[in-house]
Amino acid sequence: MFKLLRPSLLMLLVMTVITGVLYPLAVTGVAHVMFPRQADGSLIVRDGHVVGSRLIGQPFDDPRYFWGRPSATSPQPYNGASSAGSNLGPTNPALAAAVRQRIAALRAADPGNTQPVPVDLVTASGSGLDPEISPAAAQYQLARVARVRHLDVAQVRQLIAAHTQGRWLGLFGEPRVNVLALNLALDAPSH
């Protein structure tokens, strides 16, 4: 019996080393050579410190900043280890209550704003980690951010335009604005 078991165990060991060690190391090495920024998590560095990732949103609630899409992750918002949507359907009373609460918070932060609230400012995405908002959501917050920061509206509008990414290859996806990148641009010394 050991005669039959020995080749099986040897094959298990060899395949474990190949598929569990060598292959992942090779793929990671190739990724770091060909796509170094992406392989490291698309991190955003400011003054030598990592301030976030282009791929995972962060909570902003200070009126001086643009606010991102709500996060449905728990126990904390934008928890990368707990990526998930709320699983609340459009007719669920809990979702309706959460949306009303978020609209009230947006209205309280900018009482003079009578524009319709863009849906991405009051609903979480499927992952709960979205780092981006629609250009409409950024425009909705424009007056508040400009007023609180004592900036010209045209200047903030230019920042939004500069940080708006179009559709991939002009066809896929929707235009979007990375909230962290836009907020970092607002904090840049020239502003």
C-alpha atoms as a PDB file:
ATOM      1  CA  MET A   1       0.000   0.000   0.000  1.00  0.00           C
ATOM      2  CA  PHE A   2       2.849   2.413   0.769  1.00  0.00           C
ATOM      3  CA  LYS A   3       4.025   1.799  -2.792  1.00  0.00           C
ATOM      4  CA  LEU A   4       0.780   3.343  -4.056  1.00  0.00           C
ATOM      5  CA  LEU A   5       0.584   6.076  -1.432  1.00  0.00           C
ATOM      6  CA  ARG A   6       4.137   7.390  -1.905  1.00  0.00           C
ATOM      7  CA  PRO A   7       3.714   8.644  -5.531  1.00  0.00           C
ATOM      8  CA  SER A   8       0.388  10.231  -4.610  1.00  0.00           C
ATOM      9  CA  LEU A   9       1.878  12.119  -1.662  1.00  0.00           C
ATOM     10  CA  LEU A  10       4.899  13.139  -3.742  1.00  0.00           C
ATOM     11  CA  MET A  11       2.599  14.444  -6.514  1.00  0.00           C
ATOM     12  CA  LEU A  12       0.536  16.326  -3.923  1.00  0.00           C
ATOM     13  CA  LEU A  13       3.689  17.942  -2.535  1.00  0.00           C
ATOM     14  CA  VAL A  14       5.040  18.852  -5.992  1.00  0.00           C
ATOM     15  CA  MET A  15       1.709  20.305  -7.171  1.00  0.00           C
ATOM     16  CA  THR A  16       1.294  22.220  -3.899  1.00  0.00           C
ATOM     17  CA  VAL A  17       4.712  23.831  -4.375  1.00  0.00           C
ATOM     18  CA  ILE A  18       4.040  24.606  -8.054  1.00  0.00           C
ATOM     19  CA  THR A  19       0.474  25.902  -7.740  1.00  0.00           C
ATOM     20  CA  GLY A  20       0.633  27.239  -4.190  1.00  0.00           C
ATOM     21  CA  VAL A  21       4.074  28.854  -4.151  1.00  0.00           C
ATOM     22  CA  LEU A  22       5.840  29.138  -7.501  1.00  0.00           C
ATOM     23  CA  TYR A  23       2.877  30.166  -9.674  1.00  0.00           C
ATOM     24  CA  PRO A  24       1.603  32.891  -7.280  1.00  0.00           C
ATOM     25  CA  LEU A  25       5.153  34.264  -6.914  1.00  0.00           C
ATOM     26  CA  ALA A  26       5.581  34.332 -10.700  1.00  0.00           C
ATOM     27  CA  VAL A  27       2.243  36.081 -11.270  1.00  0.00           C
ATOM     28  CA  THR A  28       2.984  38.605  -8.518  1.00  0.00           C
ATOM     29  CA  GLY A  29       6.449  39.261  -9.943  1.00  0.00           C
ATOM     30  CA  VAL A  30       5.121  39.792 -13.471  1.00  0.00           C
ATOM     31  CA  ALA A  31       2.369  42.079 -12.132  1.00  0.00           C
ATOM     32  CA  HIS A  32       4.895  44.209 -10.233  1.00  0.00           C
ATOM     33  CA  VAL A  33       7.071  44.541 -13.328  1.00  0.00           C
ATOM     34  CA  MET A  34       4.295  45.235 -15.845  1.00  0.00           C
ATOM     35  CA  PHE A  35       1.771  47.073 -13.639  1.00  0.00           C
ATOM     36  CA  PRO A  36       3.603  48.327 -10.534  1.00  0.00           C
ATOM     37  CA  ARG A  37       1.031  50.911  -9.435  1.00  0.00           C
ATOM     38  CA  GLN A  38      -1.922  48.558  -9.821  1.00  0.00           C
ATOM     39  CA  ALA A  39      -0.118  45.605  -8.237  1.00  0.00           C
ATOM     40  CA  ASP A  40       0.481  47.688  -5.121  1.00  0.00           C
ATOM     41  CA  GLY A  41      -3.218  48.545  -4.783  1.00  0.00           C
ATOM     42  CA  SER A  42      -3.360  51.816  -6.774  1.00  0.00           C
ATOM     43  CA  LEU A  43      -2.284  53.674  -3.650  1.00  0.00           C
ATOM     44  CA  ILE A  44      -2.377  57.458  -3.481  1.00  0.00           C
ATOM     45  CA  VAL A  45       0.671  58.954  -1.771  1.00  0.00           C
ATOM     46  CA  ARG A  46       0.827  62.514  -0.457  1.00  0.00           C
ATOM     47  CA  ASP A  47       3.988  63.905   1.154  1.00  0.00           C
ATOM     48  CA  GLY A  48       5.468  60.414   1.412  1.00  0.00           C
ATOM     49  CA  HIS A  49       2.443  58.961   3.231  1.00  0.00           C
ATOM     50  CA  VAL A  50      -0.218  56.663   1.817  1.00  0.00           C
ATOM     51  CA  VAL A  51      -3.551  58.488   2.120  1.00  0.00           C
ATOM     52  CA  GLY A  52      -5.758  55.928   0.405  1.00  0.00           C
ATOM     53  CA  SER A  53      -6.393  53.921  -2.713  1.00  0.00           C
ATOM     54  CA  ARG A  54      -7.981  54.902  -6.006  1.00  0.00           C
ATOM     55  CA  LEU A  55     -10.022  51.704  -5.721  1.00  0.00           C
ATOM     56  CA  ILE A  56     -11.626  51.957  -2.255  1.00  0.00           C
ATOM     57  CA  GLY A  57     -13.711  54.894  -1.073  1.00  0.00           C
ATOM     58  CA  GLN A  58     -13.272  56.737   2.186  1.00  0.00           C
ATOM     59  CA  PRO A  59     -15.857  58.381   4.425  1.00  0.00           C
ATOM     60  CA  PHE A  60     -15.989  62.173   4.192  1.00  0.00           C
ATOM     61  CA  ASP A  61     -18.530  64.166   6.196  1.00  0.00           C
ATOM     62  CA  ASP A  62     -16.776  67.506   6.629  1.00  0.00           C
ATOM     63  CA  PRO A  63     -18.623  70.150   4.543  1.00  0.00           C
ATOM     64  CA  ARG A  64     -15.237  71.326   3.198  1.00  0.00           C
ATOM     65  CA  TYR A  65     -14.972  68.096   1.201  1.00  0.00           C
ATOM     66  CA  PHE A  66     -16.921  66.334  -1.484  1.00  0.00           C
ATOM     67  CA  TRP A  67     -18.797  63.390  -0.041  1.00  0.00           C
ATOM     68  CA  GLY A  68     -18.716  59.993  -1.669  1.00  0.00           C
ATOM     69  CA  ARG A  69     -21.291  57.359  -2.169  1.00  0.00           C
ATOM     70  CA  PRO A  70     -22.661  55.800   1.038  1.00  0.00           C
ATOM     71  CA  SER A  71     -21.065  52.527   2.093  1.00  0.00           C
ATOM     72  CA  ALA A  72     -23.075  49.482   3.101  1.00  0.00           C
ATOM     73  CA  THR A  73     -20.106  47.681   4.669  1.00  0.00           C
ATOM     74  CA  SER A  74     -19.907  47.040   8.370  1.00  0.00           C
ATOM     75  CA  PRO A  75     -18.830  47.338  11.090  1.00  0.00           C
ATOM     76  CA  GLN A  76     -17.176  50.440   9.592  1.00  0.00           C
ATOM     77  CA  PRO A  77     -17.835  52.223   6.290  1.00  0.00           C
ATOM     78  CA  TYR A  78     -15.629  51.344   3.298  1.00  0.00           C
ATOM     79  CA  ASN A  79     -14.350  48.215   5.010  1.00  0.00           C
ATOM     80  CA  GLY A  80     -12.412  46.416   2.268  1.00  0.00           C
ATOM     81  CA  ALA A  81     -12.558  43.151   4.199  1.00  0.00           C
ATOM     82  CA  SER A  82     -16.360  43.278   4.251  1.00  0.00           C
ATOM     83  CA  SER A  83     -17.322  44.260   0.721  1.00  0.00           C
ATOM     84  CA  ALA A  84     -21.071  43.930   0.325  1.00  0.00           C
ATOM     85  CA  GLY A  85     -24.197  45.778  -0.616  1.00  0.00           C
ATOM     86  CA  SER A  86     -27.083  46.333   1.744  1.00  0.00           C
ATOM     87  CA  ASN A  87     -29.262  43.695   0.010  1.00  0.00           C
ATOM     88  CA  LEU A  88     -32.236  46.007   0.527  1.00  0.00           C
ATOM     89  CA  GLY A  89     -34.637  46.051  -2.413  1.00  0.00           C
ATOM     90  CA  PRO A  90     -36.153  49.246  -3.813  1.00  0.00           C
ATOM     91  CA  THR A  91     -39.426  48.708  -1.946  1.00  0.00           C
ATOM     92  CA  ASN A  92     -37.799  47.911   1.402  1.00  0.00           C
ATOM     93  CA  PRO A  93     -38.882  50.414   4.085  1.00  0.00           C
ATOM     94  CA  ALA A  94     -35.385  50.348   5.648  1.00  0.00           C
ATOM     95  CA  LEU A  95     -33.834  51.487   2.358  1.00  0.00           C
ATOM     96  CA  ALA A  96     -36.447  54.220   1.942  1.00  0.00           C
ATOM     97  CA  ALA A  97     -35.757  55.444   5.489  1.00  0.00           C
ATOM     98  CA  ALA A  98     -31.987  55.423   4.912  1.00  0.00           C
ATOM     99  CA  VAL A  99     -32.387  57.385   1.664  1.00  0.00           C
ATOM    100  CA  ARG A 100     -34.631  59.962   3.378  1.00  0.00           C
ATOM    101  CA  GLN A 101     -32.066  60.337   6.176  1.00  0.00           C
ATOM    102  CA  ARG A 102     -29.228  60.825   3.663  1.00  0.00           C
ATOM    103  CA  ILE A 103     -31.236  63.396   1.692  1.00  0.00           C
ATOM    104  CA  ALA A 104     -31.966  65.268   4.928  1.00  0.00           C
ATOM    105  CA  ALA A 105     -28.235  65.296   5.798  1.00  0.00           C
ATOM    106  CA  LEU A 106     -27.354  66.651   2.345  1.00  0.00           C
ATOM    107  CA  ARG A 107     -30.065  69.328   2.587  1.00  0.00           C
ATOM    108  CA  ALA A 108     -28.938  70.292   6.115  1.00  0.00           C
ATOM    109  CA  ALA A 109     -25.336  70.683   4.938  1.00  0.00           C
ATOM    110  CA  ASP A 110     -26.429  72.955   2.076  1.00  0.00           C
ATOM    111  CA  PRO A 111     -29.893  74.391   2.847  1.00  0.00           C
ATOM    112  CA  GLY A 112     -29.958  76.684  -0.190  1.00  0.00           C
ATOM    113  CA  ASN A 113     -29.430  73.837  -2.641  1.00  0.00           C
ATOM    114  CA  THR A 114     -32.761  72.984  -4.262  1.00  0.00           C
ATOM    115  CA  GLN A 115     -31.382  70.744  -7.006  1.00  0.00           C
ATOM    116  CA  PRO A 116     -32.564  67.139  -7.135  1.00  0.00           C
ATOM    117  CA  VAL A 117     -30.203  64.923  -5.131  1.00  0.00           C
ATOM    118  CA  PRO A 118     -28.315  62.514  -7.425  1.00  0.00           C
ATOM    119  CA  VAL A 119     -29.104  58.897  -6.617  1.00  0.00           C
ATOM    120  CA  ASP A 120     -25.458  57.941  -6.077  1.00  0.00           C
ATOM    121  CA  LEU A 121     -25.257  60.291  -3.085  1.00  0.00           C
ATOM    122  CA  VAL A 122     -28.022  58.455  -1.227  1.00  0.00           C
ATOM    123  CA  THR A 123     -27.658  54.791  -2.240  1.00  0.00           C
ATOM    124  CA  ALA A 124     -24.775  52.383  -1.718  1.00  0.00           C
ATOM    125  CA  SER A 125     -23.292  50.365  -4.541  1.00  0.00           C
ATOM    126  CA  GLY A 126     -23.173  46.583  -4.750  1.00  0.00           C
ATOM    127  CA  SER A 127     -19.690  46.504  -3.244  1.00  0.00           C
ATOM    128  CA  GLY A 128     -20.188  49.301  -0.729  1.00  0.00           C
ATOM    129  CA  LEU A 129     -16.651  50.492  -1.550  1.00  0.00           C
ATOM    130  CA  ASP A 130     -17.104  52.874  -4.493  1.00  0.00           C
ATOM    131  CA  PRO A 131     -14.383  55.536  -4.570  1.00  0.00           C
ATOM    132  CA  GLU A 132     -16.177  57.523  -7.280  1.00  0.00           C
ATOM    133  CA  ILE A 133     -19.310  59.567  -7.759  1.00  0.00           C
ATOM    134  CA  SER A 134     -21.025  60.792 -10.882  1.00  0.00           C
ATOM    135  CA  PRO A 135     -20.196  64.264 -12.239  1.00  0.00           C
ATOM    136  CA  ALA A 136     -23.791  65.206 -11.323  1.00  0.00           C
ATOM    137  CA  ALA A 137     -23.118  64.256  -7.686  1.00  0.00           C
ATOM    138  CA  ALA A 138     -19.968  66.404  -7.698  1.00  0.00           C
ATOM    139  CA  GLN A 139     -21.851  69.322  -9.276  1.00  0.00           C
ATOM    140  CA  TYR A 140     -24.563  68.969  -6.633  1.00  0.00           C
ATOM    141  CA  GLN A 141     -21.950  69.557  -3.906  1.00  0.00           C
ATOM    142  CA  LEU A 142     -20.032  72.265  -5.769  1.00  0.00           C
ATOM    143  CA  ALA A 143     -21.658  75.340  -4.190  1.00  0.00           C
ATOM    144  CA  ARG A 144     -21.314  73.980  -0.626  1.00  0.00           C
ATOM    145  CA  VAL A 145     -17.633  73.135  -1.005  1.00  0.00           C
ATOM    146  CA  ALA A 146     -16.838  76.459  -2.703  1.00  0.00           C
ATOM    147  CA  ARG A 147     -18.732  78.458  -0.050  1.00  0.00           C
ATOM    148  CA  VAL A 148     -17.197  76.676   2.951  1.00  0.00           C
ATOM    149  CA  ARG A 149     -13.678  76.923   1.493  1.00  0.00           C
ATOM    150  CA  HIS A 150     -14.159  80.529   0.317  1.00  0.00           C
ATOM    151  CA  LEU A 151     -13.274  79.536  -3.250  1.00  0.00           C
ATOM    152  CA  ASP A 152     -14.664  80.777  -6.525  1.00  0.00           C
ATOM    153  CA  VAL A 153     -17.326  78.410  -7.911  1.00  0.00           C
ATOM    154  CA  ALA A 154     -15.610  78.452 -11.318  1.00  0.00           C
ATOM    155  CA  GLN A 155     -12.349  77.326  -9.708  1.00  0.00           C
ATOM    156  CA  VAL A 156     -14.020  74.344  -8.016  1.00  0.00           C
ATOM    157  CA  ARG A 157     -15.902  73.544 -11.238  1.00  0.00           C
ATOM    158  CA  GLN A 158     -12.548  73.382 -13.052  1.00  0.00           C
ATOM    159  CA  LEU A 159     -11.224  70.968 -10.421  1.00  0.00           C
ATOM    160  CA  ILE A 160     -14.250  68.734 -10.941  1.00  0.00           C
ATOM    161  CA  ALA A 161     -13.738  68.814 -14.707  1.00  0.00           C
ATOM    162  CA  ALA A 162     -10.029  68.028 -14.317  1.00  0.00           C
ATOM    163  CA  HIS A 163     -10.837  64.998 -12.133  1.00  0.00           C
ATOM    164  CA  THR A 164     -13.701  63.654 -14.240  1.00  0.00           C
ATOM    165  CA  GLN A 165     -12.784  60.440 -16.019  1.00  0.00           C
ATOM    166  CA  GLY A 166     -14.662  59.558 -19.168  1.00  0.00           C
ATOM    167  CA  ARG A 167     -15.873  56.219 -20.420  1.00  0.00           C
ATOM    168  CA  TRP A 168     -13.208  53.593 -20.981  1.00  0.00           C
ATOM    169  CA  LEU A 169     -12.364  53.568 -24.701  1.00  0.00           C
ATOM    170  CA  GLY A 170     -15.183  56.080 -25.064  1.00  0.00           C
ATOM    171  CA  LEU A 171     -17.735  53.257 -24.806  1.00  0.00           C
ATOM    172  CA  PHE A 172     -17.696  51.389 -21.509  1.00  0.00           C
ATOM    173  CA  GLY A 173     -18.822  52.623 -18.111  1.00  0.00           C
ATOM    174  CA  GLU A 174     -20.004  56.048 -17.098  1.00  0.00           C
ATOM    175  CA  PRO A 175     -18.160  59.314 -16.486  1.00  0.00           C
ATOM    176  CA  ARG A 176     -16.987  59.454 -12.879  1.00  0.00           C
ATOM    177  CA  VAL A 177     -15.062  61.525 -10.362  1.00  0.00           C
ATOM    178  CA  ASN A 178     -12.683  59.974  -7.830  1.00  0.00           C
ATOM    179  CA  VAL A 179     -13.671  61.600  -4.531  1.00  0.00           C
ATOM    180  CA  LEU A 180     -10.326  61.169  -2.751  1.00  0.00           C
ATOM    181  CA  ALA A 181      -8.331  62.569  -5.692  1.00  0.00           C
ATOM    182  CA  LEU A 182     -10.694  65.549  -5.936  1.00  0.00           C
ATOM    183  CA  ASN A 183     -10.507  66.251  -2.190  1.00  0.00           C
ATOM    184  CA  LEU A 184      -6.719  66.020  -2.262  1.00  0.00           C
ATOM    185  CA  ALA A 185      -6.683  68.536  -5.120  1.00  0.00           C
ATOM    186  CA  LEU A 186      -8.802  70.853  -2.961  1.00  0.00           C
ATOM    187  CA  ASP A 187      -6.244  70.553  -0.152  1.00  0.00           C
ATOM    188  CA  ALA A 188      -3.307  71.215  -2.470  1.00  0.00           C
ATOM    189  CA  PRO A 189      -1.281  74.314  -1.507  1.00  0.00           C
ATOM    190  CA  SER A 190      -2.517  76.280  -4.548  1.00  0.00           C
ATOM    191  CA  HIS A 191      -6.077  76.232  -3.143  1.00  0.00           C
END
